[in-house]
Amino acid sequence: MNNKNTTYIFIIITLLFIYLFITRNISSENFNQFKNDINYIFWTGGYDSTFRLCQLLIDDKKIVQPIYISDIIDNIKEKNTRRHNKEFEYNAMKEIRKKLNNDFPFTKKTFLPLIDIKKINIDSDIQQSMHILKDQKRVRRATCQYGGLAQVAKNIRNKTGKKVEICVEREPHGSMMYNTINDKVNCKENICNLKDKLNQYDSSLKIFKDFEFTTLHLSKKDMLNIAKKNNYLDVLKMTWSCWYPQNGKPCGKCIMCRERII
């Protein structure tokens, strides 16, 4: 092989390596950018979480990863004080997704498939903190949804580095979680995070450090007005709130039914 052919081969190989290096880095950058742009949110098909989902998808044009927990997390399995509405929530989420994709076609790309978490193993530190919060009367039960949600948020942040949005509304006379964390957060542009420094009495609240509280400044009526203004009130009307449906319809008696405004 003469020197001229050797030179050509060397140039071709060099260009090939450059091409592979550039395309690999571009793909990596695109992937990392995509990963960083994802907004994780707990979604049940209920009023508050669906409102925030619409805000992210429609108002803010964000990529949204909804997370649903189908494991029993509201109480110990032997107790009846837990949700009996899982199939209704599934159906609401399915129909809401269809509605959003139809009315706002761009959400077909930005509304990611639901992550359904069927089993949670709650770490001992979260269990212990939940018992302390129960003794402090900051949660209703030591085993309730907030322990399970805290564990999932912890797992997701460990894996992705991202916090998970949780929708706690501004209802000081009805929301125990609002009263528990409202003055324990720092907020910037209506996105609130648990304070880094907490006193000893509040230290058990650290299990909520992987949450982003994004609706603390809003009441249900505020959400209703925003939905009207931004043209997704029809979506809110499709949400499901009742914990104890009867004959396929809301019971009208549970706290979720009583607090619903549409």
Protein backbone atom coordinates (compact mmCIF):
# COMPACT_ATOMS: atom_id res chain seq x y z
CA MET A 1 0.00 0.00 0.00
CA ASN A 2 1.48 3.35 -1.06
CA ASN A 3 1.72 6.42 1.14
CA LYS A 4 -1.16 8.15 -0.67
CA ASN A 5 -3.64 5.36 0.10
CA THR A 6 -2.43 5.18 3.69
CA THR A 7 -3.09 8.89 4.06
CA TYR A 8 -6.64 8.54 2.67
CA ILE A 9 -7.41 5.68 5.04
CA PHE A 10 -6.04 7.64 7.98
CA ILE A 11 -8.20 10.68 7.07
CA ILE A 12 -11.34 8.54 6.71
CA ILE A 13 -10.76 6.80 10.05
CA THR A 14 -10.09 10.15 11.75
CA LEU A 15 -13.27 11.67 10.33
CA LEU A 16 -15.23 8.61 11.43
CA PHE A 17 -13.96 8.93 15.00
CA ILE A 18 -14.78 12.65 15.02
CA TYR A 19 -18.29 11.92 13.76
CA LEU A 20 -18.89 9.24 16.38
CA PHE A 21 -17.52 11.47 19.14
CA ILE A 22 -19.70 14.43 18.15
CA THR A 23 -22.91 12.43 17.68
CA ARG A 24 -22.36 10.56 20.93
CA ASN A 25 -21.89 13.81 22.84
CA ILE A 26 -24.90 15.41 21.21
CA SER A 27 -27.02 12.41 22.11
CA SER A 28 -25.71 12.51 25.66
CA GLU A 29 -26.46 16.24 25.96
CA ASN A 30 -29.94 15.78 24.54
CA PHE A 31 -30.61 12.93 26.94
CA ASN A 32 -29.36 14.88 29.95
CA GLN A 33 -31.35 17.94 28.92
CA PHE A 34 -34.46 15.82 28.51
CA LYS A 35 -33.87 14.20 31.90
CA ASN A 36 -33.36 17.58 33.58
CA ASP A 37 -36.52 19.00 32.00
CA ILE A 38 -38.81 16.30 33.41
CA ASN A 39 -41.18 17.43 36.17
CA TYR A 40 -42.19 14.57 38.48
CA ILE A 41 -45.60 14.86 40.12
CA PHE A 42 -47.80 12.65 42.28
CA TRP A 43 -51.07 12.29 40.37
CA THR A 44 -54.26 10.51 41.37
CA GLY A 45 -56.77 11.91 38.91
CA GLY A 46 -58.00 14.10 41.77
CA TYR A 47 -58.78 17.81 41.76
CA ASP A 48 -55.56 19.32 43.14
CA SER A 49 -53.04 17.10 41.37
CA THR A 50 -54.89 17.34 38.05
CA PHE A 51 -54.97 21.12 38.31
CA ARG A 52 -51.20 21.21 38.78
CA LEU A 53 -50.74 18.68 35.98
CA CYS A 54 -52.64 21.03 33.65
CA GLN A 55 -50.58 24.00 34.79
CA LEU A 56 -47.35 22.18 33.99
CA LEU A 57 -48.49 20.76 30.66
CA ILE A 58 -50.61 23.59 29.28
CA ASP A 59 -49.53 26.83 30.94
CA ASP A 60 -45.82 26.07 31.35
CA LYS A 61 -45.33 23.66 28.41
CA LYS A 62 -43.31 21.29 30.61
CA ILE A 63 -42.50 17.61 30.25
CA VAL A 64 -44.42 15.85 33.01
CA GLN A 65 -43.87 12.45 34.58
CA PRO A 66 -46.96 11.48 36.62
CA ILE A 67 -46.56 9.02 39.49
CA TYR A 68 -49.39 6.98 41.01
CA ILE A 69 -49.12 4.73 44.04
CA SER A 70 -51.47 1.76 43.91
CA ASP A 71 -50.02 0.09 47.00
CA ILE A 72 -52.07 0.48 50.18
CA ILE A 73 -50.46 3.41 51.98
CA ASP A 74 -53.37 5.13 53.73
CA ASN A 75 -53.48 2.78 56.71
CA ILE A 76 -52.41 -0.70 57.72
CA LYS A 77 -54.05 -3.30 55.49
CA GLU A 78 -56.30 -4.64 58.27
CA LYS A 79 -57.99 -1.26 58.77
CA ASN A 80 -60.89 0.07 56.71
CA THR A 81 -59.80 3.72 56.92
CA ARG A 82 -58.18 3.74 53.52
CA ARG A 83 -59.18 4.56 49.98
CA HIS A 84 -61.64 2.32 48.19
CA ASN A 85 -61.46 4.23 44.92
CA LYS A 86 -58.43 2.90 43.05
CA GLU A 87 -60.35 1.76 39.97
CA PHE A 88 -62.17 5.11 39.83
CA GLU A 89 -58.85 6.96 39.97
CA TYR A 90 -57.42 4.77 37.20
CA ASN A 91 -60.43 5.51 35.02
CA ALA A 92 -60.28 9.26 35.74
CA MET A 93 -56.59 9.39 34.82
CA LYS A 94 -57.21 7.44 31.62
CA GLU A 95 -60.05 9.72 30.50
CA ILE A 96 -58.20 12.89 31.52
CA ARG A 97 -55.19 11.84 29.45
CA LYS A 98 -57.44 11.31 26.42
CA LYS A 99 -59.02 14.71 26.95
CA LEU A 100 -55.70 16.50 27.27
CA ASN A 101 -54.20 14.76 24.25
CA ASN A 102 -57.27 15.64 22.18
CA ASP A 103 -57.71 19.27 23.28
CA PHE A 104 -53.98 20.03 23.57
CA PRO A 105 -52.25 17.76 21.01
CA PHE A 106 -48.73 18.84 22.02
CA THR A 107 -49.24 16.98 25.31
CA LYS A 108 -48.96 13.68 23.42
CA LYS A 109 -45.20 14.25 23.53
CA THR A 110 -44.85 15.98 26.89
CA PHE A 111 -47.27 13.93 29.02
CA LEU A 112 -45.20 10.84 29.82
CA PRO A 113 -46.74 7.42 30.56
CA LEU A 114 -47.88 6.91 34.13
CA ILE A 115 -45.48 5.33 36.61
CA ASP A 116 -47.64 3.02 38.73
CA ILE A 117 -45.93 1.99 41.95
CA LYS A 118 -47.55 -1.19 43.20
CA LYS A 119 -45.28 -1.95 46.16
CA ILE A 120 -43.39 0.28 48.58
CA ASN A 121 -40.94 -0.76 51.26
CA ILE A 122 -40.78 2.11 53.72
CA ASP A 123 -37.41 2.77 55.37
CA SER A 124 -37.16 2.65 59.14
CA ASP A 125 -36.25 6.34 59.45
CA ILE A 126 -39.44 7.36 57.64
CA GLN A 127 -41.53 5.00 59.76
CA GLN A 128 -40.01 6.40 62.95
CA SER A 129 -40.55 10.00 61.85
CA MET A 130 -44.17 9.29 60.95
CA HIS A 131 -44.78 7.92 64.46
CA ILE A 132 -43.27 11.09 65.95
CA LEU A 133 -45.41 13.29 63.67
CA LYS A 134 -48.49 11.31 64.77
CA ASP A 135 -47.59 11.90 68.44
CA GLN A 136 -47.17 15.60 67.62
CA LYS A 137 -50.63 15.52 65.97
CA ARG A 138 -49.16 16.67 62.67
CA VAL A 139 -50.49 13.68 60.74
CA ARG A 140 -53.65 11.70 61.45
CA ARG A 141 -52.05 8.26 61.42
CA ALA A 142 -48.51 6.94 61.65
CA THR A 143 -49.30 4.83 58.60
CA CYS A 144 -50.84 7.17 56.07
CA GLN A 145 -50.21 8.37 52.54
CA TYR A 146 -47.50 10.86 53.49
CA GLY A 147 -45.09 8.16 54.64
CA GLY A 148 -45.49 6.26 51.38
CA LEU A 149 -45.21 9.43 49.31
CA ALA A 150 -42.07 10.45 51.21
CA GLN A 151 -40.48 7.06 50.48
CA VAL A 152 -41.24 7.24 46.77
CA ALA A 153 -39.95 10.82 46.55
CA LYS A 154 -36.77 9.73 48.34
CA ASN A 155 -36.29 6.82 45.93
CA ILE A 156 -36.83 9.00 42.87
CA ARG A 157 -34.49 11.72 44.05
CA ASN A 158 -31.79 9.13 44.80
CA LYS A 159 -32.19 7.79 41.27
CA THR A 160 -32.71 10.98 39.25
CA GLY A 161 -31.67 13.89 41.47
CA LYS A 162 -35.15 15.37 41.02
CA LYS A 163 -37.76 16.18 43.66
CA VAL A 164 -41.40 15.21 43.26
CA GLU A 165 -44.24 17.73 43.29
CA ILE A 166 -46.96 17.11 45.85
CA CYS A 167 -50.18 19.10 45.74
CA VAL A 168 -51.12 20.50 49.14
CA GLU A 169 -53.60 23.35 48.78
CA ARG A 170 -54.03 26.50 50.89
CA GLU A 171 -56.84 25.32 53.13
CA PRO A 172 -55.76 26.28 56.68
CA HIS A 173 -59.07 25.16 58.19
CA GLY A 174 -59.17 21.76 56.51
CA SER A 175 -55.71 20.59 55.47
CA MET A 176 -53.59 19.07 58.23
CA MET A 177 -50.55 18.89 55.95
CA TYR A 178 -50.88 22.57 55.03
CA ASN A 179 -50.81 23.53 58.71
CA THR A 180 -47.93 21.11 59.34
CA ILE A 181 -45.52 22.47 56.75
CA ASN A 182 -46.74 25.92 55.72
CA ASP A 183 -44.32 27.87 57.95
CA LYS A 184 -41.53 25.30 57.56
CA VAL A 185 -40.79 26.00 53.90
CA ASN A 186 -38.92 28.52 51.79
CA CYS A 187 -40.71 29.60 48.63
CA LYS A 188 -39.45 31.07 45.39
CA GLU A 189 -41.86 31.87 42.56
CA ASN A 190 -44.55 29.78 44.29
CA ILE A 191 -42.34 26.68 44.47
CA CYS A 192 -41.78 25.77 48.10
CA ASN A 193 -39.22 23.43 49.64
CA LEU A 194 -38.65 22.35 53.20
CA LYS A 195 -36.20 24.58 55.05
CA ASP A 196 -32.66 23.25 55.35
CA LYS A 197 -32.43 24.17 59.02
CA LEU A 198 -35.11 22.90 61.38
CA ASN A 199 -35.17 22.85 65.17
CA GLN A 200 -35.19 19.61 67.11
CA TYR A 201 -38.98 19.54 67.46
CA ASP A 202 -39.39 19.87 63.70
CA SER A 203 -36.61 17.46 62.73
CA SER A 204 -39.01 14.64 61.81
CA LEU A 205 -40.32 16.82 58.99
CA LYS A 206 -37.05 16.14 57.14
CA ILE A 207 -38.68 13.09 55.56
CA PHE A 208 -40.51 15.62 53.34
CA LYS A 209 -37.32 17.21 52.01
CA ASP A 210 -37.72 15.45 48.64
CA PHE A 211 -41.11 17.08 48.01
CA GLU A 212 -41.75 20.26 46.05
CA PHE A 213 -44.87 22.03 47.31
CA THR A 214 -46.22 23.95 44.33
CA THR A 215 -49.83 24.69 45.29
CA LEU A 216 -49.43 25.96 48.85
CA HIS A 217 -50.40 29.46 47.73
CA LEU A 218 -53.65 28.31 46.08
CA SER A 219 -57.07 27.39 47.42
CA LYS A 220 -59.42 25.12 45.51
CA LYS A 221 -61.34 28.20 44.42
CA ASP A 222 -58.10 29.78 43.14
CA MET A 223 -57.47 26.64 41.10
CA LEU A 224 -60.99 26.79 39.72
CA ASN A 225 -60.55 30.40 38.59
CA ILE A 226 -57.18 29.67 36.94
CA ALA A 227 -58.65 26.65 35.15
CA LYS A 228 -61.51 28.78 33.84
CA LYS A 229 -59.14 31.47 32.61
CA ASN A 230 -56.75 29.02 30.91
CA ASN A 231 -59.40 26.79 29.34
CA TYR A 232 -59.04 23.53 31.20
CA LEU A 233 -62.02 23.72 33.56
CA ASP A 234 -63.58 20.81 31.65
CA VAL A 235 -60.57 18.72 32.65
CA LEU A 236 -61.03 19.56 36.34
CA LYS A 237 -64.67 18.50 36.10
CA MET A 238 -63.48 15.02 35.07
CA THR A 239 -61.46 14.50 38.27
CA TRP A 240 -62.34 11.96 40.95
CA SER A 241 -62.20 12.82 44.65
CA CYS A 242 -64.37 10.41 46.65
CA TRP A 243 -62.63 7.82 48.82
CA TYR A 244 -65.69 5.65 49.42
CA PRO A 245 -67.81 5.47 46.25
CA GLN A 246 -71.21 3.82 46.47
CA ASN A 247 -72.84 2.15 43.47
CA GLY A 248 -70.23 3.69 41.19
CA LYS A 249 -70.90 7.25 42.35
CA PRO A 250 -69.31 9.63 44.91
CA CYS A 251 -70.64 8.99 48.42
CA GLY A 252 -71.13 12.69 49.11
CA LYS A 253 -70.17 12.16 52.75
CA CYS A 254 -66.40 11.67 52.99
CA ILE A 255 -64.10 14.65 53.54
CA MET A 256 -62.98 14.60 49.90
CA CYS A 257 -66.57 14.88 48.71
CA ARG A 258 -67.37 17.64 51.20
CA GLU A 259 -64.38 19.72 50.15
CA ARG A 260 -64.97 19.39 46.41
CA ILE A 261 -66.27 22.59 44.80
CA ILE A 262 -67.25 21.38 41.30
